[in-house]
Amino acid sequence: MPGVTTAPNANSTGNSEPEIAFRNDGTVAVDGLAWLPFQLDVWTGQFGTTPSYFGAVDANLQNVGTGRTRLGSEDTDVKYTSAGTMLVADLDLIINRNSRGPQLGVNVTRCPAGATGPGGCTPIFLDTAGADRPWLTTAGTDAWVAYHDAGNSRLIRVMRSTDDGQTWQAAASPILGQGTDTGAATADNELGPIVADPGTGTVYEVYATGDAQTKAKGGSFDNIFVSRSTDGAKHWTTTLVFHAPSGTGLDNIFPALAVDPVTHVVYAAWTDQHTVSVSQSDDAGVTWSAPATVSTIQTTVMPWVAARNGKVDVVYYGSTAASPGEAAVRGLERLRLPVLQRCMDRQAGQQHTQPGWRDLPERLGVPQQHQPGTTRPVPGRGGPADRQGSDHLHRLHDRHLDERRCHERTAGDRAGI
């Protein structure tokens, strides 16, 4: 825009849905969805310092043919491999000729350890036929991307790389071949993050589903499942973690998942809009504990969980309003990030069959009053209404809780835990 300048980055129009990832040497990567133009802004630096602007990734995606345009910056996830390679998953908007029938695709941009800007990165296109909400995880130099399939099938697809993100191949879906559990998930599910245990290589995928009789009817997602794979996502076995009464929605969004890379305990978190619950598995996802309630406020959405060395953090948005809809009307009154519940140190010698929790409300510099802003609608998802009026908030969790090191190096040390 003539006469308008922005600092510190030229042509910056603001970002939403920031992500954070940590490399083994302490390097930090932060990315966000730029509002205009369509691109992923990325910053990198050393932990404890202010990151420097790495550049605009996915600003010029070209692979869809004459008369079609591919725009990045619809959803994102970022992770590092053990080789120091930064992988950035991106949901792309593909606009067809005459702007008819827009669809969504997925790509992963690979930036080797020596890359100093987007010019050293390479986008790899995984899907152009329609997709939604990609999630990314790594273990060593292996990487996996999980995302929703095109249209109404809602199939969860997984792509795998075994060469540090250079090439990708289709892996098995975590919801197929699971008997009656498949019938509950093929047309109505909400996938959460895909997570790999860097020590064992086991891969986990969490998702919420309805009951089989509500398939393809948009029923309430009253089940939490976690699928696990011990062979790199070639085969999956799913386990029902929790079932709520019919009509209860547990996809408020999203179901969350974390694996402790030291103890290998897996944690799943979800909310029914009023109670945030956490369940744990001590046997690599085979069995799960009865859920523990960790929230203390009337309305809750968007739980997130992180774990390391026997310590667990859960973060969520909470409001005194009676429902997310009422909270939106009231300007998301008293929206708080985060209300943390910290699991008792498993190494303290206490024996328990499910997590013991104590309330540790903390503030990380986030204002209590949140003024609702413009939310970018996602094609095919119905825009803000489908995501409880807060689509642009759903990945802010990672700014504070990364499953690798963030909470261990900062808040944990200062709190003396």
Protein backbone atom coordinates (compact mmCIF):
# COMPACT_ATOMS: atom_id res chain seq x y z
CA MET A 1 0.00 0.00 0.00
CA PRO A 2 1.60 3.29 -1.08
CA GLY A 3 2.73 5.48 1.78
CA VAL A 4 2.36 2.78 4.42
CA THR A 5 5.38 1.14 6.03
CA THR A 6 5.56 -1.60 8.63
CA ALA A 7 8.34 -2.55 11.00
CA PRO A 8 10.34 -4.55 11.69
CA ASN A 9 9.31 -6.46 8.56
CA ALA A 10 8.40 -4.70 5.34
CA ASN A 11 4.96 -5.54 3.95
CA SER A 12 3.88 -7.16 7.23
CA THR A 13 0.15 -7.19 7.81
CA GLY A 14 0.12 -9.19 11.01
CA ASN A 15 0.07 -12.90 11.76
CA SER A 16 -2.19 -15.37 13.54
CA GLU A 17 -1.99 -18.96 14.81
CA PRO A 18 1.71 -18.87 15.76
CA GLU A 19 3.66 -22.11 16.11
CA ILE A 20 6.94 -22.80 17.88
CA ALA A 21 9.51 -25.60 17.57
CA PHE A 22 12.89 -26.29 19.14
CA ARG A 23 15.99 -27.86 17.64
CA ASN A 24 18.43 -30.01 19.62
CA ASP A 25 20.98 -27.17 19.77
CA GLY A 26 18.47 -24.71 21.24
CA THR A 27 17.47 -23.05 17.99
CA VAL A 28 13.88 -21.81 18.01
CA ALA A 29 11.56 -21.48 15.02
CA VAL A 30 8.35 -19.46 15.20
CA ASP A 31 5.92 -19.18 12.31
CA GLY A 32 2.55 -17.56 11.76
CA LEU A 33 -0.14 -17.19 9.13
CA ALA A 34 0.32 -13.83 7.41
CA TRP A 35 -2.97 -12.14 6.63
CA LEU A 36 -1.87 -10.41 3.44
CA PRO A 37 -0.17 -11.56 1.33
CA PHE A 38 -0.76 -15.30 1.62
CA GLN A 39 2.49 -16.61 3.11
CA LEU A 40 3.97 -18.13 6.27
CA ASP A 41 6.20 -15.71 8.13
CA VAL A 42 9.04 -17.49 9.95
CA TRP A 43 11.45 -16.29 12.62
CA THR A 44 14.44 -18.23 13.97
CA GLY A 45 16.98 -17.68 16.73
CA GLN A 46 18.49 -19.11 19.88
CA PHE A 47 16.34 -19.97 22.87
CA GLY A 48 16.16 -17.03 25.26
CA THR A 49 16.79 -14.41 22.59
CA THR A 50 14.51 -12.53 20.22
CA PRO A 51 14.26 -14.52 16.96
CA SER A 52 15.26 -12.84 13.71
CA TYR A 53 13.04 -12.77 10.64
CA PHE A 54 13.85 -15.83 8.52
CA GLY A 55 11.51 -14.79 5.73
CA ALA A 56 8.23 -15.50 4.00
CA VAL A 57 7.79 -19.21 3.27
CA ASP A 58 5.28 -20.49 0.71
CA ALA A 59 4.86 -17.05 -0.82
CA ASN A 60 5.06 -18.34 -4.39
CA LEU A 61 3.57 -21.81 -4.68
CA GLN A 62 3.36 -23.02 -8.27
CA ASN A 63 2.29 -26.56 -9.13
CA VAL A 64 -1.39 -26.62 -10.01
CA GLY A 65 -1.47 -25.82 -13.72
CA THR A 66 -2.42 -22.94 -16.00
CA GLY A 67 -5.31 -20.85 -14.79
CA ARG A 68 -5.08 -22.08 -11.20
CA THR A 69 -3.52 -20.35 -8.21
CA ARG A 70 -2.14 -21.97 -5.05
CA LEU A 71 -1.98 -19.80 -1.93
CA GLY A 72 -0.37 -20.88 1.34
CA SER A 73 -1.06 -19.76 4.90
CA GLU A 74 -4.35 -21.47 5.77
CA ASP A 75 -3.06 -23.71 8.60
CA THR A 76 0.45 -24.53 9.75
CA ASP A 77 2.62 -26.74 11.92
CA VAL A 78 6.41 -26.63 12.34
CA LYS A 79 8.91 -29.16 13.66
CA TYR A 80 12.66 -29.87 13.56
CA THR A 81 14.25 -33.21 12.72
CA SER A 82 17.29 -34.57 14.55
CA ALA A 83 19.41 -33.42 11.59
CA GLY A 84 18.40 -29.81 12.28
CA THR A 85 16.08 -29.58 9.28
CA MET A 86 13.06 -27.34 9.75
CA LEU A 87 9.83 -28.76 8.32
CA VAL A 88 6.81 -26.50 7.92
CA ALA A 89 3.45 -28.05 7.06
CA ASP A 90 1.03 -25.71 5.32
CA LEU A 91 -2.61 -25.91 4.29
CA ASP A 92 -2.98 -24.30 0.85
CA LEU A 93 -5.93 -22.67 -0.83
CA ILE A 94 -6.15 -23.70 -4.51
CA ILE A 95 -8.25 -21.36 -6.64
CA ASN A 96 -9.42 -22.86 -9.90
CA ARG A 97 -10.01 -21.14 -13.21
CA ASN A 98 -12.72 -18.46 -12.96
CA SER A 99 -12.51 -18.81 -9.13
CA ARG A 100 -14.94 -21.73 -9.21
CA GLY A 101 -14.73 -24.64 -6.82
CA PRO A 102 -11.80 -23.63 -4.57
CA GLN A 103 -10.19 -26.52 -2.76
CA LEU A 104 -7.52 -27.13 -0.16
CA GLY A 105 -4.17 -28.90 -0.42
CA VAL A 106 -1.20 -29.69 1.80
CA ASN A 107 2.51 -29.08 1.35
CA VAL A 108 5.62 -29.37 3.51
CA THR A 109 8.40 -26.83 3.10
CA ARG A 110 11.83 -28.26 3.91
CA CYS A 111 14.59 -25.94 5.16
CA PRO A 112 17.91 -27.75 5.79
CA ALA A 113 19.99 -26.83 8.82
CA GLY A 114 22.17 -24.48 6.77
CA ALA A 115 19.31 -22.52 5.23
CA THR A 116 19.40 -18.79 6.06
CA GLY A 117 16.13 -17.87 4.39
CA PRO A 118 13.30 -19.12 2.19
CA GLY A 119 15.66 -19.29 -0.79
CA GLY A 120 17.29 -22.32 0.82
CA CYS A 121 13.97 -24.10 1.33
CA THR A 122 12.00 -26.40 -0.94
CA PRO A 123 8.22 -26.96 -0.91
CA ILE A 124 7.04 -30.54 -1.39
CA PHE A 125 3.40 -30.92 -2.41
CA LEU A 126 1.58 -33.75 -0.67
CA ASP A 127 -2.04 -33.30 -1.73
CA THR A 128 -3.93 -31.11 -4.17
CA ALA A 129 -7.32 -32.85 -4.18
CA GLY A 130 -8.68 -31.32 -0.99
CA ALA A 131 -7.55 -31.44 2.63
CA ASP A 132 -7.81 -29.74 6.01
CA ARG A 133 -5.89 -29.20 9.27
CA PRO A 134 -2.43 -30.73 8.73
CA TRP A 135 -0.44 -31.82 11.79
CA LEU A 136 3.28 -32.61 11.74
CA THR A 137 5.58 -34.69 13.95
CA THR A 138 9.15 -36.00 13.78
CA ALA A 139 11.30 -38.71 15.37
CA GLY A 140 14.94 -38.66 14.34
CA THR A 141 14.96 -37.97 10.61
CA ASP A 142 11.55 -39.58 10.10
CA ALA A 143 8.51 -37.32 9.79
CA TRP A 144 4.76 -37.73 9.49
CA VAL A 145 1.94 -35.42 8.40
CA ALA A 146 -1.69 -36.20 9.23
CA TYR A 147 -4.62 -34.31 7.73
CA HIS A 148 -8.27 -34.62 6.79
CA ASP A 149 -9.23 -35.94 3.40
CA ALA A 150 -11.21 -34.06 0.77
CA GLY A 151 -14.93 -33.32 0.79
CA ASN A 152 -17.25 -35.21 3.08
CA SER A 153 -15.24 -38.40 3.60
CA ARG A 154 -13.35 -36.95 6.58
CA LEU A 155 -10.80 -39.74 6.24
CA ILE A 156 -7.58 -39.10 8.15
CA ARG A 157 -4.66 -39.43 5.77
CA VAL A 158 -1.02 -39.81 6.82
CA MET A 159 2.10 -39.11 4.78
CA ARG A 160 5.53 -40.31 5.90
CA SER A 161 9.11 -39.31 5.13
CA THR A 162 12.10 -41.47 6.06
CA ASP A 163 14.78 -39.23 4.55
CA ASP A 164 14.61 -36.02 6.56
CA GLY A 165 11.63 -34.64 4.68
CA GLN A 166 13.09 -34.90 1.16
CA THR A 167 10.48 -37.33 -0.15
CA TRP A 168 7.07 -38.41 1.14
CA GLN A 169 4.96 -41.53 0.73
CA ALA A 170 1.41 -42.37 1.70
CA ALA A 171 1.08 -44.31 4.95
CA ALA A 172 -1.95 -46.11 6.36
CA SER A 173 -4.91 -44.25 7.81
CA PRO A 174 -5.27 -44.53 11.60
CA ILE A 175 -9.06 -44.98 11.37
CA LEU A 176 -9.36 -47.72 8.73
CA GLY A 177 -9.40 -51.44 9.50
CA GLN A 178 -10.52 -50.91 13.08
CA GLY A 179 -13.81 -52.79 12.97
CA THR A 180 -16.81 -51.00 14.44
CA ASP A 181 -14.56 -48.11 15.49
CA THR A 182 -13.98 -47.37 11.80
CA GLY A 183 -17.73 -47.03 11.27
CA ALA A 184 -17.86 -44.30 13.89
CA ALA A 185 -15.05 -42.27 12.34
CA THR A 186 -15.00 -42.36 8.54
CA ALA A 187 -17.45 -39.51 8.00
CA ASP A 188 -17.50 -37.67 11.30
CA ASN A 189 -14.27 -37.11 13.18
CA GLU A 190 -12.11 -34.28 14.41
CA LEU A 191 -8.43 -35.09 14.30
CA GLY A 192 -5.98 -33.74 16.82
CA PRO A 193 -2.19 -33.78 16.52
CA ILE A 194 -0.12 -36.70 15.31
CA VAL A 195 2.71 -37.31 17.79
CA ALA A 196 5.80 -39.53 17.58
CA ASP A 197 7.84 -40.79 20.52
CA PRO A 198 11.45 -39.89 19.57
CA GLY A 199 12.79 -42.66 21.78
CA THR A 200 10.70 -45.59 20.63
CA GLY A 201 9.46 -44.42 17.23
CA THR A 202 5.86 -45.24 18.12
CA VAL A 203 3.43 -42.88 16.38
CA TYR A 204 0.12 -41.79 17.89
CA GLU A 205 -2.93 -40.02 16.44
CA VAL A 206 -5.79 -38.69 18.57
CA TYR A 207 -9.25 -37.98 17.21
CA ALA A 208 -12.84 -37.47 18.38
CA THR A 209 -15.74 -39.29 16.73
CA GLY A 210 -19.47 -39.71 16.96
CA ASP A 211 -21.31 -42.97 17.34
CA ALA A 212 -21.74 -45.30 14.40
CA GLN A 213 -25.46 -44.61 14.07
CA THR A 214 -24.76 -40.90 13.59
CA LYS A 215 -22.26 -41.48 10.79
CA ALA A 216 -22.50 -38.90 8.01
CA LYS A 217 -25.13 -36.98 9.96
CA GLY A 218 -22.90 -34.53 11.80
CA GLY A 219 -23.57 -36.12 15.17
CA SER A 220 -21.89 -35.09 18.39
CA PHE A 221 -18.34 -36.35 18.80
CA ASP A 222 -18.72 -38.19 22.10
CA ASN A 223 -15.73 -40.54 21.77
CA ILE A 224 -12.00 -39.96 22.14
CA PHE A 225 -9.79 -42.46 20.32
CA VAL A 226 -6.03 -42.79 20.10
CA SER A 227 -4.50 -44.90 17.35
CA ARG A 228 -0.93 -46.16 17.69
CA SER A 229 1.57 -47.53 15.20
CA THR A 230 4.84 -49.29 15.99
CA ASP A 231 5.98 -49.66 12.37
CA GLY A 232 6.10 -46.08 11.16
CA ALA A 233 2.36 -45.76 10.35
CA LYS A 234 2.18 -48.82 8.10
CA HIS A 235 -0.36 -50.38 10.46
CA TRP A 236 -2.47 -48.90 13.25
CA THR A 237 -4.36 -50.16 16.27
CA THR A 238 -6.96 -47.89 17.83
CA THR A 239 -8.13 -47.70 21.44
CA LEU A 240 -11.18 -45.99 22.88
CA VAL A 241 -9.89 -43.63 25.55
CA PHE A 242 -13.21 -42.17 26.68
CA HIS A 243 -16.89 -42.36 25.80
CA ALA A 244 -19.34 -39.65 26.91
CA PRO A 245 -23.12 -39.82 26.89
CA SER A 246 -24.66 -39.50 23.44
CA GLY A 247 -25.04 -35.88 22.42
CA THR A 248 -21.89 -34.73 24.22
CA GLY A 249 -19.35 -32.95 22.03
CA LEU A 250 -15.69 -33.59 22.88
CA ASP A 251 -14.19 -31.92 19.80
CA ASN A 252 -13.93 -28.39 21.18
CA ILE A 253 -11.26 -28.00 19.36
CA PHE A 254 -9.10 -30.08 19.19
CA PRO A 255 -8.47 -33.21 21.23
CA ALA A 256 -4.83 -32.90 22.30
CA LEU A 257 -2.04 -35.44 22.65
CA ALA A 258 1.52 -35.53 23.99
CA VAL A 259 4.13 -38.18 24.66
CA ASP A 260 6.79 -37.79 27.33
CA PRO A 261 10.09 -38.44 25.50
CA VAL A 262 11.78 -39.50 28.76
CA THR A 263 9.15 -41.70 30.45
CA HIS A 264 7.27 -42.57 27.22
CA VAL A 265 3.93 -42.02 28.98
CA VAL A 266 1.23 -40.73 26.61
CA TYR A 267 -1.36 -38.11 27.60
CA ALA A 268 -4.64 -37.22 25.91
CA ALA A 269 -6.73 -34.15 26.78
CA TRP A 270 -10.17 -32.98 25.69
CA THR A 271 -13.11 -30.85 26.84
CA ASP A 272 -16.90 -31.04 26.65
CA GLN A 273 -16.93 -27.21 26.79
CA HIS A 274 -17.18 -27.26 30.56
CA THR A 275 -14.68 -29.79 31.88
CA VAL A 276 -11.13 -30.36 30.66
CA SER A 277 -10.17 -34.01 31.15
CA VAL A 278 -6.82 -35.78 30.87
CA SER A 279 -6.11 -39.49 30.56
CA GLN A 280 -2.74 -41.21 30.50
CA SER A 281 -1.32 -44.42 29.10
CA ASP A 282 1.71 -46.08 30.69
CA ASP A 283 1.90 -48.88 28.12
CA ALA A 284 2.36 -47.06 24.79
CA GLY A 285 -1.32 -46.40 24.16
CA VAL A 286 -2.65 -49.92 24.80
CA THR A 287 -4.68 -49.02 27.90
CA TRP A 288 -5.74 -45.68 29.35
CA SER A 289 -6.52 -44.41 32.84
CA ALA A 290 -9.86 -43.01 33.91
CA PRO A 291 -9.81 -39.30 33.06
CA ALA A 292 -8.83 -36.69 35.63
CA THR A 293 -10.62 -33.34 35.68
CA VAL A 294 -8.15 -30.44 35.56
CA SER A 295 -10.33 -27.36 34.93
CA THR A 296 -12.03 -25.11 37.46
CA ILE A 297 -13.98 -22.62 35.34
CA GLN A 298 -17.45 -22.72 33.76
CA THR A 299 -16.63 -22.90 30.04
CA THR A 300 -13.50 -24.33 28.43
CA VAL A 301 -12.26 -24.85 24.88
CA MET A 302 -9.05 -25.73 23.08
CA PRO A 303 -7.04 -27.79 25.56
CA TRP A 304 -3.37 -28.47 24.88
CA VAL A 305 -0.96 -30.77 26.68
CA ALA A 306 2.82 -31.05 26.93
CA ALA A 307 4.93 -33.54 28.89
CA ARG A 308 8.59 -34.11 29.68
CA ASN A 309 10.46 -36.09 32.32
CA GLY A 310 7.35 -36.90 34.35
CA LYS A 311 5.92 -33.38 34.37
CA VAL A 312 2.77 -32.50 32.46
CA ASP A 313 1.23 -29.14 31.56
CA VAL A 314 -2.31 -28.63 30.30
CA VAL A 315 -3.40 -25.28 28.91
CA TYR A 316 -6.88 -24.22 27.82
CA TYR A 317 -9.08 -21.21 27.28
CA GLY A 318 -11.62 -20.60 30.05
CA SER A 319 -14.56 -18.27 30.53
CA THR A 320 -17.11 -17.60 33.26
CA ALA A 321 -19.79 -17.52 30.56
CA ALA A 322 -22.22 -20.42 30.42
CA SER A 323 -21.14 -21.52 26.93
CA PRO A 324 -18.66 -20.63 24.16
CA GLY A 325 -21.49 -18.88 22.31
CA GLU A 326 -22.26 -16.67 25.28
CA ALA A 327 -18.56 -15.99 25.74
CA ALA A 328 -18.31 -14.84 22.13
CA VAL A 329 -21.25 -12.50 22.59
CA ARG A 330 -19.63 -11.07 25.70
CA GLY A 331 -16.36 -10.54 23.87
CA LEU A 332 -14.87 -13.76 25.26
CA GLU A 333 -15.04 -12.19 28.69
CA ARG A 334 -12.22 -13.13 30.98
CA LEU A 335 -10.64 -15.39 28.38
CA ARG A 336 -7.50 -16.58 30.07
CA LEU A 337 -4.37 -18.16 28.66
CA PRO A 338 -3.24 -20.24 30.25
CA VAL A 339 -4.91 -21.83 33.23
CA LEU A 340 -2.31 -24.43 33.91
CA GLN A 341 -2.74 -27.67 35.72
CA ARG A 342 0.53 -29.40 36.48
CA CYS A 343 0.74 -33.10 37.00
CA MET A 344 2.51 -34.25 40.14
CA ASP A 345 6.05 -35.31 39.46
CA ARG A 346 5.91 -39.01 38.72
CA GLN A 347 9.45 -39.29 40.02
CA ALA A 348 8.46 -38.00 43.49
CA GLY A 349 7.68 -41.52 44.61
CA GLN A 350 3.91 -41.20 44.73
CA GLN A 351 1.90 -44.13 43.45
CA HIS A 352 -1.32 -43.41 41.61
CA THR A 353 -3.40 -45.04 38.90
CA GLN A 354 -4.28 -41.77 37.22
CA PRO A 355 -2.63 -38.33 37.25
CA GLY A 356 -2.71 -36.39 40.48
CA TRP A 357 -3.28 -32.74 39.73
CA ARG A 358 -2.91 -29.49 41.58
CA ASP A 359 -4.13 -26.16 40.34
CA LEU A 360 -1.40 -23.79 39.22
CA PRO A 361 -3.11 -20.82 37.57
CA GLU A 362 -0.47 -18.78 35.81
CA ARG A 363 -0.46 -15.74 33.60
CA LEU A 364 2.00 -15.43 30.75
CA GLY A 365 1.41 -11.81 29.93
CA VAL A 366 -1.89 -12.34 28.12
CA PRO A 367 -4.58 -9.69 28.77
CA GLN A 368 -7.72 -10.91 30.50
CA GLN A 369 -9.98 -8.95 28.19
CA HIS A 370 -9.96 -10.27 24.64
CA GLN A 371 -11.63 -8.24 21.92
CA PRO A 372 -12.93 -10.46 19.13
CA GLY A 373 -11.36 -9.74 15.77
CA THR A 374 -11.77 -10.89 12.22
CA THR A 375 -11.55 -14.64 11.79
CA ARG A 376 -10.41 -16.03 8.47
CA PRO A 377 -13.06 -18.59 7.38
CA VAL A 378 -11.78 -21.92 6.13
CA PRO A 379 -13.34 -23.01 2.84
CA GLY A 380 -15.56 -26.02 3.27
CA ARG A 381 -15.65 -25.75 7.06
CA GLY A 382 -18.34 -23.13 7.48
CA GLY A 383 -16.04 -20.42 8.78
CA PRO A 384 -15.95 -19.22 12.38
CA ALA A 385 -19.21 -20.85 13.48
CA ASP A 386 -17.77 -24.32 13.00
CA ARG A 387 -14.87 -23.53 15.30
CA GLN A 388 -16.75 -21.86 18.15
CA GLY A 389 -15.95 -18.40 16.85
CA SER A 390 -12.23 -18.74 17.47
CA ASP A 391 -10.52 -20.35 14.50
CA HIS A 392 -7.63 -17.93 14.68
CA LEU A 393 -6.89 -18.97 18.29
CA HIS A 394 -6.65 -22.73 17.90
CA ARG A 395 -2.88 -23.01 17.72
CA LEU A 396 -1.72 -20.29 20.10
CA HIS A 397 -1.09 -23.04 22.62
CA ASP A 398 2.24 -23.98 21.03
CA ARG A 399 3.66 -20.52 21.66
CA HIS A 400 3.82 -21.47 25.34
CA LEU A 401 3.92 -25.26 25.35
CA ASP A 402 6.10 -27.22 22.99
CA GLU A 403 6.44 -30.92 23.61
CA ARG A 404 10.20 -30.73 23.50
CA ARG A 405 11.80 -28.15 25.81
CA CYS A 406 9.95 -24.88 26.27
CA HIS A 407 8.18 -25.49 29.55
CA GLU A 408 11.07 -27.48 31.00
CA ARG A 409 13.66 -24.76 30.35
CA THR A 410 11.57 -21.84 31.52
CA ALA A 411 8.52 -22.08 33.75
CA GLY A 412 9.53 -25.37 35.27
CA ASP A 413 12.90 -24.13 36.44
CA ARG A 414 11.53 -20.86 37.80
CA ALA A 415 8.74 -22.65 39.68
CA GLY A 416 11.23 -24.98 41.25
CA ILE A 417 9.58 -28.15 40.05
